[in-house]
Amino acid sequence: MNGWVIGGIACMLYSLIVGYFAYKKSPGLIKLVKMKMGKKMTDKGAITTTWVMVGLIFVFGIVCFILA
């Protein structure tokens, strides 16, 4: 197992965990995203941003597996 496989596993695990919290609409996650992205962001905008990032990181994990 090389670094690409380990990185792919880590990316996919991270995206699954964050995706779970986004699905449950965790107040802590929403607060963190709003704090990092801007205070004028709505809750729906924070959840949408989180889903986009989860998708990108999951795809990156798959790319890591392909490159391995």
N, C-alpha and C. Protein backbone atom coordinates (compact mmCIF):
# COMPACT_ATOMS: atom_id res chain seq x y z
N MET A 1 0.85 -1.18 0.00
CA MET A 1 0.00 0.00 0.00
C MET A 1 0.89 1.24 0.00
N ASN A 2 0.68 2.09 -0.98
CA ASN A 2 1.49 3.29 -1.04
C ASN A 2 0.69 4.50 -0.55
N GLY A 3 1.29 5.65 -0.65
CA GLY A 3 0.68 6.87 -0.13
C GLY A 3 -0.60 7.28 -0.83
N TRP A 4 -0.71 6.97 -2.13
CA TRP A 4 -1.92 7.32 -2.86
C TRP A 4 -3.14 6.58 -2.32
N VAL A 5 -2.95 5.31 -2.00
CA VAL A 5 -4.07 4.51 -1.48
C VAL A 5 -4.48 5.02 -0.10
N ILE A 6 -3.50 5.29 0.74
CA ILE A 6 -3.78 5.80 2.09
C ILE A 6 -4.47 7.16 2.00
N GLY A 7 -4.00 8.02 1.09
CA GLY A 7 -4.63 9.33 0.90
C GLY A 7 -6.05 9.20 0.38
N GLY A 8 -6.28 8.24 -0.52
CA GLY A 8 -7.62 8.01 -1.04
C GLY A 8 -8.58 7.55 0.04
N ILE A 9 -8.10 6.63 0.89
CA ILE A 9 -8.93 6.14 2.00
C ILE A 9 -9.24 7.28 2.96
N ALA A 10 -8.23 8.09 3.27
CA ALA A 10 -8.43 9.20 4.20
C ALA A 10 -9.43 10.21 3.64
N CYS A 11 -9.32 10.52 2.35
CA CYS A 11 -10.25 11.48 1.74
C CYS A 11 -11.68 10.95 1.75
N MET A 12 -11.84 9.67 1.44
CA MET A 12 -13.19 9.13 1.40
C MET A 12 -13.79 9.00 2.80
N LEU A 13 -12.99 8.63 3.78
CA LEU A 13 -13.49 8.58 5.15
C LEU A 13 -13.89 9.97 5.65
N TYR A 14 -13.03 10.95 5.36
CA TYR A 14 -13.33 12.32 5.76
C TYR A 14 -14.63 12.81 5.13
N SER A 15 -14.80 12.54 3.83
CA SER A 15 -16.00 13.01 3.16
C SER A 15 -17.25 12.29 3.68
N LEU A 16 -17.13 11.01 4.03
CA LEU A 16 -18.28 10.31 4.59
C LEU A 16 -18.67 10.85 5.96
N ILE A 17 -17.69 11.16 6.79
CA ILE A 17 -17.97 11.69 8.13
C ILE A 17 -18.59 13.09 8.03
N VAL A 18 -18.00 13.96 7.22
CA VAL A 18 -18.54 15.31 7.08
C VAL A 18 -19.91 15.26 6.39
N GLY A 19 -20.07 14.35 5.42
CA GLY A 19 -21.36 14.18 4.76
C GLY A 19 -22.45 13.75 5.73
N TYR A 20 -22.09 12.90 6.68
CA TYR A 20 -23.06 12.48 7.70
C TYR A 20 -23.52 13.68 8.53
N PHE A 21 -22.55 14.50 8.95
CA PHE A 21 -22.92 15.67 9.75
C PHE A 21 -23.72 16.69 8.92
N ALA A 22 -23.43 16.78 7.62
CA ALA A 22 -24.20 17.68 6.77
C ALA A 22 -25.62 17.15 6.59
N TYR A 23 -25.76 15.84 6.47
CA TYR A 23 -27.08 15.23 6.33
C TYR A 23 -27.92 15.46 7.58
N LYS A 24 -27.29 15.37 8.75
CA LYS A 24 -28.00 15.59 10.02
C LYS A 24 -28.18 17.07 10.33
N LYS A 25 -27.57 17.94 9.52
CA LYS A 25 -27.63 19.39 9.70
C LYS A 25 -27.17 19.78 11.10
N SER A 26 -25.97 19.33 11.43
CA SER A 26 -25.37 19.59 12.73
C SER A 26 -25.14 21.09 12.93
N PRO A 27 -25.63 21.64 14.06
CA PRO A 27 -25.44 23.07 14.30
C PRO A 27 -23.97 23.47 14.40
N GLY A 28 -23.14 22.56 14.92
CA GLY A 28 -21.72 22.87 15.03
C GLY A 28 -21.06 23.00 13.66
N LEU A 29 -21.42 22.13 12.74
CA LEU A 29 -20.89 22.19 11.38
C LEU A 29 -21.36 23.45 10.67
N ILE A 30 -22.63 23.77 10.81
CA ILE A 30 -23.17 24.97 10.17
C ILE A 30 -22.48 26.22 10.71
N LYS A 31 -22.27 26.24 12.01
CA LYS A 31 -21.61 27.40 12.64
C LYS A 31 -20.17 27.53 12.15
N LEU A 32 -19.46 26.40 12.03
CA LEU A 32 -18.07 26.42 11.57
C LEU A 32 -17.98 26.90 10.13
N VAL A 33 -18.85 26.40 9.27
CA VAL A 33 -18.82 26.81 7.85
C VAL A 33 -19.15 28.28 7.72
N LYS A 34 -20.16 28.74 8.45
CA LYS A 34 -20.53 30.15 8.38
C LYS A 34 -19.41 31.04 8.91
N MET A 35 -18.70 30.59 9.92
CA MET A 35 -17.61 31.37 10.48
C MET A 35 -16.45 31.45 9.47
N LYS A 36 -16.17 30.37 8.77
CA LYS A 36 -15.06 30.36 7.83
C LYS A 36 -15.39 31.06 6.51
N MET A 37 -16.63 30.95 6.05
CA MET A 37 -16.99 31.46 4.73
C MET A 37 -17.59 32.87 4.77
N GLY A 38 -18.13 33.28 5.87
CA GLY A 38 -18.71 34.62 5.97
C GLY A 38 -19.98 34.60 6.80
N LYS A 39 -20.14 35.59 7.63
CA LYS A 39 -21.25 35.60 8.58
C LYS A 39 -22.60 35.84 7.90
N LYS A 40 -22.61 36.36 6.68
CA LYS A 40 -23.88 36.64 6.01
C LYS A 40 -24.46 35.41 5.33
N MET A 41 -23.78 34.29 5.40
CA MET A 41 -24.24 33.06 4.76
C MET A 41 -25.42 32.48 5.54
N THR A 42 -26.40 31.97 4.81
CA THR A 42 -27.55 31.35 5.45
C THR A 42 -27.22 29.90 5.80
N ASP A 43 -28.09 29.28 6.58
CA ASP A 43 -27.89 27.88 6.94
C ASP A 43 -27.94 26.99 5.70
N LYS A 44 -28.86 27.28 4.80
CA LYS A 44 -28.98 26.49 3.58
C LYS A 44 -27.71 26.64 2.72
N GLY A 45 -27.17 27.84 2.66
CA GLY A 45 -25.94 28.07 1.91
C GLY A 45 -24.76 27.32 2.52
N ALA A 46 -24.72 27.25 3.84
CA ALA A 46 -23.65 26.52 4.51
C ALA A 46 -23.74 25.03 4.23
N ILE A 47 -24.94 24.48 4.24
CA ILE A 47 -25.13 23.06 3.96
C ILE A 47 -24.78 22.77 2.50
N THR A 48 -25.19 23.64 1.58
CA THR A 48 -24.87 23.45 0.16
C THR A 48 -23.37 23.50 -0.07
N THR A 49 -22.69 24.44 0.56
CA THR A 49 -21.24 24.53 0.46
C THR A 49 -20.59 23.26 0.99
N THR A 50 -21.09 22.75 2.09
CA THR A 50 -20.55 21.53 2.67
C THR A 50 -20.73 20.35 1.72
N TRP A 51 -21.92 20.22 1.09
CA TRP A 51 -22.16 19.10 0.17
C TRP A 51 -21.25 19.19 -1.05
N VAL A 52 -21.00 20.40 -1.55
CA VAL A 52 -20.10 20.56 -2.69
C VAL A 52 -18.69 20.13 -2.32
N MET A 53 -18.23 20.55 -1.15
CA MET A 53 -16.88 20.18 -0.72
C MET A 53 -16.77 18.68 -0.46
N VAL A 54 -17.81 18.09 0.11
CA VAL A 54 -17.82 16.64 0.34
C VAL A 54 -17.69 15.91 -0.99
N GLY A 55 -18.43 16.35 -1.98
CA GLY A 55 -18.35 15.72 -3.30
C GLY A 55 -16.98 15.85 -3.92
N LEU A 56 -16.38 17.04 -3.84
CA LEU A 56 -15.05 17.25 -4.41
C LEU A 56 -13.99 16.39 -3.72
N ILE A 57 -14.05 16.31 -2.42
CA ILE A 57 -13.06 15.52 -1.68
C ILE A 57 -13.24 14.04 -1.95
N PHE A 58 -14.49 13.59 -2.08
CA PHE A 58 -14.74 12.18 -2.39
C PHE A 58 -14.20 11.83 -3.78
N VAL A 59 -14.42 12.72 -4.74
CA VAL A 59 -13.89 12.50 -6.09
C VAL A 59 -12.37 12.48 -6.06
N PHE A 60 -11.76 13.36 -5.29
CA PHE A 60 -10.30 13.36 -5.16
C PHE A 60 -9.81 12.04 -4.58
N GLY A 61 -10.55 11.48 -3.62
CA GLY A 61 -10.18 10.18 -3.06
C GLY A 61 -10.22 9.09 -4.10
N ILE A 62 -11.23 9.13 -4.98
CA ILE A 62 -11.31 8.15 -6.07
C ILE A 62 -10.14 8.33 -7.04
N VAL A 63 -9.79 9.57 -7.33
CA VAL A 63 -8.65 9.84 -8.22
C VAL A 63 -7.37 9.30 -7.60
N CYS A 64 -7.22 9.42 -6.30
CA CYS A 64 -6.03 8.87 -5.64
C CYS A 64 -5.95 7.37 -5.83
N PHE A 65 -7.09 6.67 -5.75
CA PHE A 65 -7.11 5.23 -5.97
C PHE A 65 -6.72 4.90 -7.41
N ILE A 66 -7.19 5.69 -8.35
CA ILE A 66 -6.88 5.43 -9.75
C ILE A 66 -5.39 5.64 -10.02
N LEU A 67 -4.81 6.65 -9.40
CA LEU A 67 -3.38 6.94 -9.62
C LEU A 67 -2.46 5.95 -8.90
N ALA A 68 -3.00 5.21 -7.95
CA ALA A 68 -2.16 4.29 -7.17
C ALA A 68 -1.67 3.12 -7.96
